[in-house]
Amino acid sequence: MKKNRLGKTDIWVSNMCLGSMTWGSQNDASEGHAQIAMALDHGVNFIDTAEMYPVNPIKAETVGRTERIIGLWLEESNRRHDIVLATKHSGEGFEHARQGEPISPKTIPEAVEGSLRRLKTDYIDLYQFHWPNRGSYMFRKNWQYNPKGNDRDEVVQNMEDCMGALQTEVEKGRIRAFGLSNESAWGTTQWIEAAKRTGGPRPASVQNEYSMMCRLFDTDMSEACVLESVGLLAFTPLAAGLLSGKYQNDQIPEGSRMSINPDLGGRKTPRAFQAAEGYLKIAKKYGLDPSQMALAFCLTRPFMTSVIFGATHLSQLENAMKASDLRLNQEVRNDIDIMHAACPMPF
């Protein structure tokens, strides 16, 4: 499997990343461990998690369970050196961690310590801020996004203060690199500038939603990240399963995300099914598996470092990983762009 450099660091990650957000809710520990084993066998060396996982649903009693499942695998396998491990610090408003405190120099060491303990490791390869303190336009908030309400100087000062705390973690050897999540172009460049001023760890990546049905990243974020060498780690590349075709014609498979989260986090709209049908027709036209086509499309993007994929069944995982070697010809990519122009941002 192809490896890409993580930002300007000396860390190299597989172009596909194993997501873990269902481990501890839809998947038990043994299933999570089986997924890790299969992914490693196929050349994946990158695993993404977060202190708030699992989701679907999020519960106070399960927060941190996914990290514990990974920690058990690390303890039993003794293969820490085989993986690049990424996790995330939850931010303002997440009531199940630190009473919803915003990310700050006070919360960073506490959050890092908690993740290290649950993961049963003494270092985290990529430590990410799950969402900005100032809010985000991700998760369908782009339709009413309003950047007012934040004091610029206070925001920038918090970034510089957090850089100091992050650098302390780097010097202690507890984190190797720093990443963003659910960020904007302005926020990404401000974090880069804060790193320059303070000597803190430069953002290596940003984890935002990206798929054929969610291409917000294609403009401002694309330019900022390509020119500043900040790689995208794309989450939800199958549009929460819509691009696999499994929800077409009113189907709701047992145990699927839609059976647990009926509106797919705001993605279930009439236009979403119309768009999905268009992409499914393209896959059929060229004899492609629709899930593999969707993942392979993400890998064509100039800003992509790794595509995060998750699965509830090993068969889904095995099918998804085949996308790493799939090359979409120009005709397929042209048809995808035509479909995107006809039905942009369908949710």
Protein backbone atom coordinates (compact mmCIF):
# COMPACT_ATOMS: atom_id res chain seq x y z
CA MET A 1 0.00 0.00 0.00
CA LYS A 2 1.30 3.46 -0.91
CA LYS A 3 2.75 5.56 1.91
CA ASN A 4 2.53 9.36 2.11
CA ARG A 5 4.51 11.75 4.23
CA LEU A 6 2.52 13.27 7.08
CA GLY A 7 2.93 16.99 6.54
CA LYS A 8 6.55 18.03 6.99
CA THR A 9 7.25 15.38 9.63
CA ASP A 10 9.37 12.27 9.24
CA ILE A 11 6.26 10.09 9.70
CA TRP A 12 4.98 8.10 6.72
CA VAL A 13 1.43 6.77 6.71
CA SER A 14 -0.52 4.43 4.44
CA ASN A 15 -2.83 6.21 2.03
CA MET A 16 -5.72 4.47 3.75
CA CYS A 17 -6.30 4.79 7.50
CA LEU A 18 -8.29 2.41 9.68
CA GLY A 19 -11.05 4.26 11.51
CA SER A 20 -12.22 2.94 14.86
CA MET A 21 -15.22 5.00 15.95
CA THR A 22 -17.60 2.01 16.14
CA TRP A 23 -15.37 -0.14 18.34
CA GLY A 24 -17.13 -0.44 21.66
CA SER A 25 -20.63 0.21 20.32
CA GLN A 26 -21.31 -1.51 16.98
CA ASN A 27 -18.16 -3.67 17.28
CA ASP A 28 -16.77 -5.45 20.31
CA ALA A 29 -13.08 -5.68 21.22
CA SER A 30 -12.48 -8.95 19.39
CA GLU A 31 -13.94 -7.51 16.19
CA GLY A 32 -11.84 -4.37 16.53
CA HIS A 33 -8.71 -6.48 17.02
CA ALA A 34 -9.59 -8.58 13.97
CA GLN A 35 -9.91 -5.41 11.91
CA ILE A 36 -6.47 -4.22 13.02
CA ALA A 37 -4.93 -7.57 12.10
CA MET A 38 -6.53 -7.59 8.66
CA ALA A 39 -5.57 -3.97 7.97
CA LEU A 40 -1.95 -4.60 8.91
CA ASP A 41 -1.87 -7.68 6.69
CA HIS A 42 -2.94 -5.46 3.76
CA GLY A 43 -0.30 -2.80 4.37
CA VAL A 44 -2.29 -0.29 6.43
CA ASN A 45 -0.09 1.18 9.16
CA PHE A 46 -2.32 4.07 10.27
CA ILE A 47 -5.10 3.90 12.90
CA ASP A 48 -7.27 6.84 13.92
CA THR A 49 -9.26 7.12 17.13
CA ALA A 50 -10.42 9.74 19.65
CA GLU A 51 -10.97 10.01 23.37
CA MET A 52 -14.74 10.51 22.79
CA TYR A 53 -15.20 7.28 20.78
CA PRO A 54 -17.22 5.13 20.28
CA VAL A 55 -20.10 6.90 18.56
CA ASN A 56 -23.49 5.65 17.33
CA PRO A 57 -24.46 6.57 19.97
CA ILE A 58 -22.19 8.64 22.21
CA LYS A 59 -22.77 7.80 25.88
CA ALA A 60 -21.02 8.99 29.01
CA GLU A 61 -20.35 5.40 30.08
CA THR A 62 -18.65 4.45 26.80
CA VAL A 63 -16.40 7.49 26.28
CA GLY A 64 -12.82 6.25 25.99
CA ARG A 65 -13.81 2.64 25.31
CA THR A 66 -12.37 2.64 21.79
CA GLU A 67 -8.97 3.76 23.01
CA ARG A 68 -9.09 0.99 25.62
CA ILE A 69 -9.84 -1.58 22.92
CA ILE A 70 -6.80 -0.41 20.95
CA GLY A 71 -4.75 -0.41 24.13
CA LEU A 72 -5.63 -4.04 24.79
CA TRP A 73 -4.50 -4.94 21.27
CA LEU A 74 -1.21 -3.09 21.77
CA GLU A 75 -0.63 -4.86 25.07
CA GLU A 76 -1.42 -8.31 23.68
CA SER A 77 0.31 -7.97 20.31
CA ASN A 78 3.48 -6.10 21.24
CA ARG A 79 3.31 -4.43 17.81
CA ARG A 80 3.33 -0.74 18.76
CA HIS A 81 6.18 -0.13 16.30
CA ASP A 82 4.05 -1.40 13.40
CA ILE A 83 1.42 1.34 13.59
CA VAL A 84 1.11 5.09 13.38
CA LEU A 85 -1.47 5.93 16.03
CA ALA A 86 -3.62 9.06 15.93
CA THR A 87 -6.08 10.23 18.56
CA LYS A 88 -7.95 13.44 19.40
CA HIS A 89 -8.57 15.90 22.22
CA SER A 90 -12.28 16.71 22.56
CA GLY A 91 -13.04 20.39 22.80
CA GLU A 92 -15.50 22.92 24.07
CA GLY A 93 -18.99 21.64 24.69
CA PHE A 94 -18.22 17.93 24.95
CA GLU A 95 -19.78 17.37 28.35
CA HIS A 96 -18.41 13.85 28.84
CA ALA A 97 -14.76 15.00 29.06
CA ARG A 98 -13.55 17.68 31.48
CA GLN A 99 -17.10 19.07 31.81
CA GLY A 100 -16.93 20.51 28.30
CA GLU A 101 -13.95 22.78 28.90
CA PRO A 102 -12.37 24.34 25.80
CA ILE A 103 -8.95 23.19 24.63
CA SER A 104 -6.31 25.03 26.63
CA PRO A 105 -2.84 24.60 28.16
CA LYS A 106 -4.65 23.28 31.24
CA THR A 107 -6.62 20.54 29.45
CA ILE A 108 -3.92 19.35 27.01
CA PRO A 109 -1.67 17.46 29.46
CA GLU A 110 -4.68 15.96 31.22
CA ALA A 111 -6.21 14.78 27.93
CA VAL A 112 -2.90 13.39 26.67
CA GLU A 113 -2.37 11.51 29.93
CA GLY A 114 -5.83 9.98 29.72
CA SER A 115 -5.33 8.80 26.13
CA LEU A 116 -1.90 7.35 26.90
CA ARG A 117 -3.31 5.43 29.84
CA ARG A 118 -6.22 3.98 27.87
CA LEU A 119 -4.06 3.21 24.82
CA LYS A 120 -1.42 1.54 27.00
CA THR A 121 1.38 3.35 25.18
CA ASP A 122 3.93 5.97 26.15
CA TYR A 123 3.55 8.08 23.00
CA ILE A 124 0.97 9.21 20.45
CA ASP A 125 2.17 9.64 16.87
CA LEU A 126 -0.43 12.23 15.83
CA TYR A 127 -2.31 14.24 18.43
CA GLN A 128 -5.27 16.13 16.99
CA PHE A 129 -7.69 18.77 18.24
CA HIS A 130 -11.12 17.32 17.45
CA TRP A 131 -12.76 20.67 16.67
CA PRO A 132 -11.89 24.32 17.15
CA ASN A 133 -12.89 26.13 20.33
CA ARG A 134 -14.38 28.90 18.18
CA GLY A 135 -16.78 26.53 16.39
CA SER A 136 -16.78 25.01 12.92
CA TYR A 137 -18.77 24.92 9.71
CA MET A 138 -18.54 21.13 9.50
CA PHE A 139 -21.39 18.67 10.13
CA ARG A 140 -23.95 20.61 8.06
CA LYS A 141 -23.30 23.87 9.93
CA ASN A 142 -22.01 25.39 6.68
CA TRP A 143 -25.57 26.33 5.66
CA GLN A 144 -25.92 28.89 8.48
CA TYR A 145 -22.24 29.48 9.21
CA ASN A 146 -21.49 32.81 10.86
CA PRO A 147 -17.87 33.51 11.89
CA LYS A 148 -18.85 36.43 14.11
CA GLY A 149 -18.78 36.09 17.85
CA ASN A 150 -15.08 35.37 18.27
CA ASP A 151 -12.48 37.89 19.29
CA ARG A 152 -9.54 37.46 16.91
CA ASP A 153 -6.88 38.39 19.45
CA GLU A 154 -8.27 35.98 22.03
CA VAL A 155 -8.41 33.15 19.48
CA VAL A 156 -4.82 33.73 18.35
CA GLN A 157 -3.60 34.02 21.93
CA ASN A 158 -5.22 30.69 22.79
CA MET A 159 -3.49 29.11 19.80
CA GLU A 160 -0.11 30.39 20.98
CA ASP A 161 -0.76 29.24 24.54
CA CYS A 162 -1.78 25.77 23.30
CA MET A 163 1.37 25.64 21.18
CA GLY A 164 3.41 26.00 24.34
CA ALA A 165 1.59 23.10 26.00
CA LEU A 166 1.93 20.96 22.86
CA GLN A 167 5.65 21.66 22.65
CA THR A 168 6.02 20.51 26.24
CA GLU A 169 4.35 17.22 25.26
CA VAL A 170 6.72 16.89 22.29
CA GLU A 171 9.74 17.48 24.53
CA LYS A 172 8.46 14.85 26.96
CA GLY A 173 8.20 12.41 24.06
CA ARG A 174 4.46 11.93 24.60
CA ILE A 175 3.41 13.19 21.16
CA ARG A 176 5.32 13.16 17.87
CA ALA A 177 3.15 15.38 15.67
CA PHE A 178 0.15 17.69 15.89
CA GLY A 179 -2.96 17.72 13.72
CA LEU A 180 -6.20 19.63 13.31
CA SER A 181 -9.75 18.45 12.71
CA ASN A 182 -12.93 20.14 11.46
CA GLU A 183 -10.86 23.24 10.67
CA SER A 184 -11.19 26.12 8.23
CA ALA A 185 -8.60 27.64 5.90
CA TRP A 186 -8.19 30.64 8.21
CA GLY A 187 -7.80 28.44 11.26
CA THR A 188 -5.28 26.16 9.56
CA THR A 189 -3.05 29.04 8.47
CA GLN A 190 -3.31 30.72 11.88
CA TRP A 191 -2.14 27.53 13.60
CA ILE A 192 0.82 27.43 11.19
CA GLU A 193 1.70 31.02 12.01
CA ALA A 194 1.33 30.36 15.74
CA ALA A 195 3.77 27.47 15.40
CA LYS A 196 6.26 29.77 13.66
CA ARG A 197 6.02 32.42 16.37
CA THR A 198 6.25 30.04 19.31
CA GLY A 199 8.39 27.19 18.02
CA GLY A 200 5.59 24.73 18.72
CA PRO A 201 4.71 21.72 16.55
CA ARG A 202 3.57 22.75 13.07
CA PRO A 203 0.21 21.27 12.01
CA ALA A 204 0.93 18.19 9.92
CA SER A 205 -2.62 17.33 8.94
CA VAL A 206 -6.26 18.30 9.10
CA GLN A 207 -9.07 15.79 9.46
CA ASN A 208 -12.20 17.05 7.68
CA GLU A 209 -15.13 15.37 5.99
CA TYR A 210 -14.57 14.64 2.30
CA SER A 211 -16.36 12.51 -0.26
CA MET A 212 -17.87 12.78 -3.72
CA MET A 213 -20.94 14.18 -1.96
CA CYS A 214 -19.10 16.56 0.39
CA ARG A 215 -16.44 18.57 -1.44
CA LEU A 216 -16.15 21.71 0.69
CA PHE A 217 -12.41 21.07 0.85
CA ASP A 218 -11.90 21.55 -2.91
CA THR A 219 -11.36 25.32 -2.85
CA ASP A 220 -9.89 27.39 0.01
CA MET A 221 -8.80 24.43 2.11
CA SER A 222 -7.26 22.73 -0.90
CA GLU A 223 -5.09 25.74 -1.71
CA ALA A 224 -4.07 26.35 1.89
CA CYS A 225 -3.16 22.74 2.57
CA VAL A 226 -1.30 22.06 -0.68
CA LEU A 227 0.79 25.24 -0.45
CA GLU A 228 1.44 24.80 3.29
CA SER A 229 2.07 21.03 3.21
CA VAL A 230 -0.78 20.13 5.54
CA GLY A 231 -2.34 16.84 4.41
CA LEU A 232 -6.01 15.98 4.51
CA LEU A 233 -7.13 12.93 6.46
CA ALA A 234 -10.59 12.47 4.96
CA PHE A 235 -13.35 11.13 7.15
CA THR A 236 -16.73 9.77 5.98
CA PRO A 237 -15.49 9.15 2.40
CA LEU A 238 -18.52 6.93 1.69
CA ALA A 239 -20.94 9.66 2.85
CA ALA A 240 -21.96 7.54 5.85
CA GLY A 241 -22.68 4.59 3.55
CA LEU A 242 -24.82 6.45 0.99
CA LEU A 243 -22.19 5.96 -1.72
CA SER A 244 -22.14 2.19 -1.20
CA GLY A 245 -25.73 2.02 -2.43
CA LYS A 246 -26.95 0.07 0.56
CA TYR A 247 -29.59 2.66 1.47
CA GLN A 248 -31.12 3.08 -1.98
CA ASN A 249 -34.78 2.14 -2.50
CA ASP A 250 -35.59 2.68 1.19
CA GLN A 251 -33.31 -0.10 2.37
CA ILE A 252 -32.00 0.07 5.94
CA PRO A 253 -29.77 -2.96 6.60
CA GLU A 254 -29.84 -4.31 10.13
CA GLY A 255 -26.94 -2.99 12.18
CA SER A 256 -26.13 -0.24 9.65
CA ARG A 257 -25.51 3.35 10.70
CA MET A 258 -28.94 4.44 9.44
CA SER A 259 -30.58 1.80 11.66
CA ILE A 260 -28.96 3.54 14.64
CA ASN A 261 -28.78 7.14 13.41
CA PRO A 262 -31.84 7.57 11.15
CA ASP A 263 -30.88 10.89 9.56
CA LEU A 264 -27.16 9.97 9.17
CA GLY A 265 -26.11 13.13 10.98
CA GLY A 266 -28.14 15.35 8.66
CA ARG A 267 -26.99 13.59 5.49
CA LYS A 268 -30.29 11.84 4.73
CA THR A 269 -32.04 14.14 2.26
CA PRO A 270 -33.96 13.53 -1.00
CA ARG A 271 -31.12 15.12 -2.97
CA ALA A 272 -28.60 12.84 -1.28
CA PHE A 273 -30.33 9.77 -2.66
CA GLN A 274 -30.52 11.39 -6.10
CA ALA A 275 -26.81 12.15 -6.02
CA ALA A 276 -25.97 8.67 -4.75
CA GLU A 277 -27.96 7.17 -7.62
CA GLY A 278 -25.94 9.21 -10.10
CA TYR A 279 -22.63 7.98 -8.68
CA LEU A 280 -23.89 4.41 -8.55
CA LYS A 281 -24.73 4.62 -12.26
CA ILE A 282 -21.17 5.79 -12.99
CA ALA A 283 -19.76 2.80 -11.08
CA LYS A 284 -22.05 0.45 -12.99
CA LYS A 285 -21.13 2.06 -16.34
CA TYR A 286 -17.44 1.32 -15.79
CA GLY A 287 -17.84 -2.00 -13.98
CA LEU A 288 -16.56 -0.66 -10.66
CA ASP A 289 -17.49 -1.48 -7.10
CA PRO A 290 -19.22 1.73 -5.89
CA SER A 291 -17.50 1.83 -2.51
CA GLN A 292 -14.09 1.27 -4.07
CA MET A 293 -14.76 3.97 -6.68
CA ALA A 294 -15.73 6.46 -3.97
CA LEU A 295 -12.59 5.74 -1.96
CA ALA A 296 -10.33 5.73 -5.02
CA PHE A 297 -11.74 9.11 -6.07
CA CYS A 298 -10.65 10.58 -2.73
CA LEU A 299 -7.15 9.21 -3.31
CA THR A 300 -6.90 11.17 -6.58
CA ARG A 301 -7.13 14.53 -4.83
CA PRO A 302 -3.91 16.60 -4.68
CA PHE A 303 -4.34 17.43 -1.00
CA MET A 304 -4.97 13.90 0.25
CA THR A 305 -2.62 12.19 2.70
CA SER A 306 -4.88 9.36 3.89
CA VAL A 307 -8.50 8.31 3.57
CA ILE A 308 -10.09 7.11 6.81
CA PHE A 309 -12.43 4.17 6.35
CA GLY A 310 -14.40 2.25 8.92
CA ALA A 311 -16.28 -1.01 8.83
CA THR A 312 -18.63 -3.06 10.96
CA HIS A 313 -17.81 -6.30 9.14
CA LEU A 314 -14.49 -7.73 7.97
CA SER A 315 -15.90 -8.24 4.48
CA GLN A 316 -16.53 -4.48 4.23
CA LEU A 317 -13.02 -3.80 5.42
CA GLU A 318 -11.44 -6.15 2.90
CA ASN A 319 -13.49 -4.68 0.07
CA ALA A 320 -12.57 -1.10 1.02
CA MET A 321 -8.84 -1.73 1.14
CA LYS A 322 -8.84 -2.80 -2.51
CA ALA A 323 -9.42 0.86 -3.39
CA SER A 324 -5.81 1.63 -2.52
CA ASP A 325 -4.65 0.03 -5.76
CA LEU A 326 -7.58 1.15 -7.92
CA ARG A 327 -6.72 3.78 -10.53
CA LEU A 328 -9.65 5.72 -11.97
CA ASN A 329 -9.18 6.70 -15.60
CA GLN A 330 -9.91 10.20 -16.83
CA GLU A 331 -13.30 9.24 -18.24
CA VAL A 332 -14.49 8.06 -14.83
CA ARG A 333 -13.18 11.18 -13.14
CA ASN A 334 -14.83 13.40 -15.76
CA ASP A 335 -18.18 11.72 -15.18
CA ILE A 336 -17.78 12.17 -11.42
CA ASP A 337 -17.13 15.88 -11.89
CA ILE A 338 -20.15 16.22 -14.19
CA MET A 339 -22.32 14.56 -11.56
CA HIS A 340 -20.88 16.82 -8.87
CA ALA A 341 -21.68 19.92 -10.92
CA ALA A 342 -25.24 18.68 -11.42
CA CYS A 343 -25.80 17.96 -7.71
CA PRO A 344 -23.22 19.71 -5.51
CA MET A 345 -23.46 19.46 -1.73
CA PRO A 346 -26.64 17.37 -1.62
CA PHE A 347 -26.77 17.36 2.19
